[in-house]
Amino acid sequence: QLQLVESGGGLVQPGGSLRLSCVASGFTLDYYAIGWFRQAPGKEREGVSCISTSGDTTNYVDSVKGRFTLSRDSAKNTVYLQMNSLKPEDTAVYYCAAPYTTTCPPPRGVDFGHWGQGTQVTVSS
């Protein structure tokens, strides 16, 4: 059974930070690229960023550049999304997803074959 589980979401004030985790079970996460997507209320799901097996990262949206950072912890079979300088517009359900490739594909949901259940991030004062 392949499974991705996101955690680390919650309520944070503007300018604050959160670290989201994507933990894999049933497969070795480091064999595959991992992408992060988000869906805000009333909006379409959008790609946020992606990390390849080599550690190269891709930012899919300009709005998170310089604020969000991806990293891997092989021992914990986990990918982290460090989110700094959070803004209200970052409020969304965040999902991690695996494309079953080593490099990051375009941010199309159809190219990511396995998804987690999502974790809610709310940025508000």
C-alpha atoms as a PDB file:
ATOM      1  CA  GLN A   1       0.000   0.000   0.000  1.00  0.00           C
ATOM      2  CA  LEU A   2       1.533   3.278  -1.160  1.00  0.00           C
ATOM      3  CA  GLN A   3       0.718   6.233   1.026  1.00  0.00           C
ATOM      4  CA  LEU A   4       1.668   9.887   1.352  1.00  0.00           C
ATOM      5  CA  VAL A   5       0.658  11.763   4.481  1.00  0.00           C
ATOM      6  CA  GLU A   6       0.980  15.518   4.912  1.00  0.00           C
ATOM      7  CA  SER A   7       1.181  17.190   8.288  1.00  0.00           C
ATOM      8  CA  GLY A   8       2.307  20.434   9.875  1.00  0.00           C
ATOM      9  CA  GLY A   9      -0.471  22.724   8.789  1.00  0.00           C
ATOM     10  CA  GLY A  10      -2.293  25.041  11.101  1.00  0.00           C
ATOM     11  CA  LEU A  11      -3.019  28.652  11.897  1.00  0.00           C
ATOM     12  CA  VAL A  12      -0.181  31.137  11.691  1.00  0.00           C
ATOM     13  CA  GLN A  13       0.045  34.922  11.693  1.00  0.00           C
ATOM     14  CA  PRO A  14       1.194  36.837   8.618  1.00  0.00           C
ATOM     15  CA  GLY A  15       4.973  36.868   8.509  1.00  0.00           C
ATOM     16  CA  GLY A  16       5.191  33.642  10.437  1.00  0.00           C
ATOM     17  CA  SER A  17       6.546  30.266   9.410  1.00  0.00           C
ATOM     18  CA  LEU A  18       5.367  26.688   9.105  1.00  0.00           C
ATOM     19  CA  ARG A  19       7.095  23.494   8.069  1.00  0.00           C
ATOM     20  CA  LEU A  20       4.955  20.969   6.278  1.00  0.00           C
ATOM     21  CA  SER A  21       5.947  17.320   6.155  1.00  0.00           C
ATOM     22  CA  CYS A  22       5.209  14.710   3.523  1.00  0.00           C
ATOM     23  CA  VAL A  23       5.870  11.215   4.841  1.00  0.00           C
ATOM     24  CA  ALA A  24       5.860   8.235   2.509  1.00  0.00           C
ATOM     25  CA  SER A  25       5.086   4.637   3.363  1.00  0.00           C
ATOM     26  CA  GLY A  26       5.090   1.587   1.144  1.00  0.00           C
ATOM     27  CA  PHE A  27       7.825   2.994  -1.068  1.00  0.00           C
ATOM     28  CA  THR A  28      11.129   4.790  -0.776  1.00  0.00           C
ATOM     29  CA  LEU A  29      10.407   8.454  -1.215  1.00  0.00           C
ATOM     30  CA  ASP A  30      13.934   9.304  -2.337  1.00  0.00           C
ATOM     31  CA  TYR A  31      13.421   7.299  -5.521  1.00  0.00           C
ATOM     32  CA  TYR A  32      10.947   9.874  -6.792  1.00  0.00           C
ATOM     33  CA  ALA A  33      10.456  13.568  -7.184  1.00  0.00           C
ATOM     34  CA  ILE A  34       7.891  15.080  -4.829  1.00  0.00           C
ATOM     35  CA  GLY A  35       5.700  18.020  -5.688  1.00  0.00           C
ATOM     36  CA  TRP A  36       3.619  20.286  -3.520  1.00  0.00           C
ATOM     37  CA  PHE A  37       0.285  21.675  -4.625  1.00  0.00           C
ATOM     38  CA  ARG A  38      -2.242  23.884  -2.929  1.00  0.00           C
ATOM     39  CA  GLN A  39      -5.871  24.750  -3.339  1.00  0.00           C
ATOM     40  CA  ALA A  40      -7.287  27.923  -1.869  1.00  0.00           C
ATOM     41  CA  PRO A  41     -11.012  28.411  -1.305  1.00  0.00           C
ATOM     42  CA  GLY A  42     -12.766  29.086  -4.579  1.00  0.00           C
ATOM     43  CA  LYS A  43      -9.618  28.607  -6.627  1.00  0.00           C
ATOM     44  CA  GLU A  44      -8.155  25.911  -8.810  1.00  0.00           C
ATOM     45  CA  ARG A  45      -5.424  23.680  -7.494  1.00  0.00           C
ATOM     46  CA  GLU A  46      -2.001  25.043  -8.357  1.00  0.00           C
ATOM     47  CA  GLY A  47       1.491  23.665  -8.255  1.00  0.00           C
ATOM     48  CA  VAL A  48       3.723  25.245  -5.627  1.00  0.00           C
ATOM     49  CA  SER A  49       7.119  23.594  -5.896  1.00  0.00           C
ATOM     50  CA  CYS A  50       8.877  20.306  -6.533  1.00  0.00           C
ATOM     51  CA  ILE A  51      12.071  18.564  -5.461  1.00  0.00           C
ATOM     52  CA  SER A  52      13.882  15.983  -7.563  1.00  0.00           C
ATOM     53  CA  THR A  53      15.712  12.926  -6.280  1.00  0.00           C
ATOM     54  CA  SER A  54      18.974  14.837  -6.633  1.00  0.00           C
ATOM     55  CA  GLY A  55      17.689  17.671  -4.485  1.00  0.00           C
ATOM     56  CA  ASP A  56      17.112  20.155  -7.281  1.00  0.00           C
ATOM     57  CA  THR A  57      14.046  22.251  -6.625  1.00  0.00           C
ATOM     58  CA  THR A  58      11.575  23.930  -8.920  1.00  0.00           C
ATOM     59  CA  ASN A  59       9.267  26.758  -7.925  1.00  0.00           C
ATOM     60  CA  TYR A  60       6.071  26.539  -9.905  1.00  0.00           C
ATOM     61  CA  VAL A  61       4.696  29.934  -8.858  1.00  0.00           C
ATOM     62  CA  ASP A  62       6.486  33.252  -8.533  1.00  0.00           C
ATOM     63  CA  SER A  63       4.589  34.147  -5.382  1.00  0.00           C
ATOM     64  CA  VAL A  64       6.499  31.625  -3.239  1.00  0.00           C
ATOM     65  CA  LYS A  65       9.996  32.260  -4.579  1.00  0.00           C
ATOM     66  CA  GLY A  66      12.366  33.267  -1.815  1.00  0.00           C
ATOM     67  CA  ARG A  67       9.885  32.226   0.860  1.00  0.00           C
ATOM     68  CA  PHE A  68       9.325  28.480   0.437  1.00  0.00           C
ATOM     69  CA  THR A  69      12.101  25.885   0.555  1.00  0.00           C
ATOM     70  CA  LEU A  70      12.002  22.132  -0.091  1.00  0.00           C
ATOM     71  CA  SER A  71      14.265  19.568   1.511  1.00  0.00           C
ATOM     72  CA  ARG A  72      14.559  15.816   1.961  1.00  0.00           C
ATOM     73  CA  ASP A  73      15.301  13.621   4.960  1.00  0.00           C
ATOM     74  CA  SER A  74      16.045  10.149   3.646  1.00  0.00           C
ATOM     75  CA  ALA A  75      16.241   8.575   7.095  1.00  0.00           C
ATOM     76  CA  LYS A  76      12.682   9.651   7.820  1.00  0.00           C
ATOM     77  CA  ASN A  77      11.390   9.044   4.285  1.00  0.00           C
ATOM     78  CA  THR A  78      10.117  12.605   4.387  1.00  0.00           C
ATOM     79  CA  VAL A  79      10.053  15.733   2.263  1.00  0.00           C
ATOM     80  CA  TYR A  80       9.645  19.072   3.994  1.00  0.00           C
ATOM     81  CA  LEU A  81       8.171  22.307   2.740  1.00  0.00           C
ATOM     82  CA  GLN A  82       9.529  25.163   4.830  1.00  0.00           C
ATOM     83  CA  MET A  83       7.272  28.183   4.471  1.00  0.00           C
ATOM     84  CA  ASN A  84       8.522  31.541   5.697  1.00  0.00           C
ATOM     85  CA  SER A  85       7.104  35.050   5.548  1.00  0.00           C
ATOM     86  CA  LEU A  86       3.642  33.633   5.167  1.00  0.00           C
ATOM     87  CA  LYS A  87       0.928  35.785   3.694  1.00  0.00           C
ATOM     88  CA  PRO A  88      -2.855  35.525   3.887  1.00  0.00           C
ATOM     89  CA  GLU A  89      -2.910  34.550   0.223  1.00  0.00           C
ATOM     90  CA  ASP A  90      -0.937  31.424   1.132  1.00  0.00           C
ATOM     91  CA  THR A  91      -4.025  30.098   2.894  1.00  0.00           C
ATOM     92  CA  ALA A  92      -4.943  26.806   1.254  1.00  0.00           C
ATOM     93  CA  VAL A  93      -5.019  23.068   1.615  1.00  0.00           C
ATOM     94  CA  TYR A  94      -1.534  21.840   0.760  1.00  0.00           C
ATOM     95  CA  TYR A  95      -0.951  18.467  -0.874  1.00  0.00           C
ATOM     96  CA  CYS A  96       2.177  16.500  -1.634  1.00  0.00           C
ATOM     97  CA  ALA A  97       2.233  14.251  -4.661  1.00  0.00           C
ATOM     98  CA  ALA A  98       4.573  11.829  -6.385  1.00  0.00           C
ATOM     99  CA  PRO A  99       4.966  11.733 -10.164  1.00  0.00           C
ATOM    100  CA  TYR A 100       6.910   8.433 -10.019  1.00  0.00           C
ATOM    101  CA  THR A 101       9.791  10.065 -11.830  1.00  0.00           C
ATOM    102  CA  THR A 102      13.149  11.251 -10.576  1.00  0.00           C
ATOM    103  CA  THR A 103      12.821  14.755 -11.979  1.00  0.00           C
ATOM    104  CA  CYS A 104      10.074  17.302 -11.629  1.00  0.00           C
ATOM    105  CA  PRO A 105       7.434  17.371 -14.350  1.00  0.00           C
ATOM    106  CA  PRO A 106       5.311  20.393 -15.219  1.00  0.00           C
ATOM    107  CA  PRO A 107       2.849  21.315 -12.462  1.00  0.00           C
ATOM    108  CA  ARG A 108      -0.047  19.374 -13.895  1.00  0.00           C
ATOM    109  CA  GLY A 109      -1.971  17.237 -11.465  1.00  0.00           C
ATOM    110  CA  VAL A 110      -2.412  14.555 -14.078  1.00  0.00           C
ATOM    111  CA  ASP A 111       1.364  14.040 -14.133  1.00  0.00           C
ATOM    112  CA  PHE A 112       1.435  13.206 -10.430  1.00  0.00           C
ATOM    113  CA  GLY A 113       0.103   9.730  -9.851  1.00  0.00           C
ATOM    114  CA  HIS A 114      -0.080   9.509  -6.070  1.00  0.00           C
ATOM    115  CA  TRP A 115      -1.420  12.096  -3.656  1.00  0.00           C
ATOM    116  CA  GLY A 116      -1.691  12.711   0.043  1.00  0.00           C
ATOM    117  CA  GLN A 117      -4.852  13.802   1.800  1.00  0.00           C
ATOM    118  CA  GLY A 118      -3.789  17.410   2.311  1.00  0.00           C
ATOM    119  CA  THR A 119      -3.130  19.640   5.297  1.00  0.00           C
ATOM    120  CA  GLN A 120      -4.796  22.980   5.959  1.00  0.00           C
ATOM    121  CA  VAL A 121      -2.685  26.122   6.213  1.00  0.00           C
ATOM    122  CA  THR A 122      -4.413  29.275   7.396  1.00  0.00           C
ATOM    123  CA  VAL A 123      -2.551  32.585   7.540  1.00  0.00           C
ATOM    124  CA  SER A 124      -4.464  35.188   9.486  1.00  0.00           C
ATOM    125  CA  SER A 125      -3.929  37.788  12.176  1.00  0.00           C
END
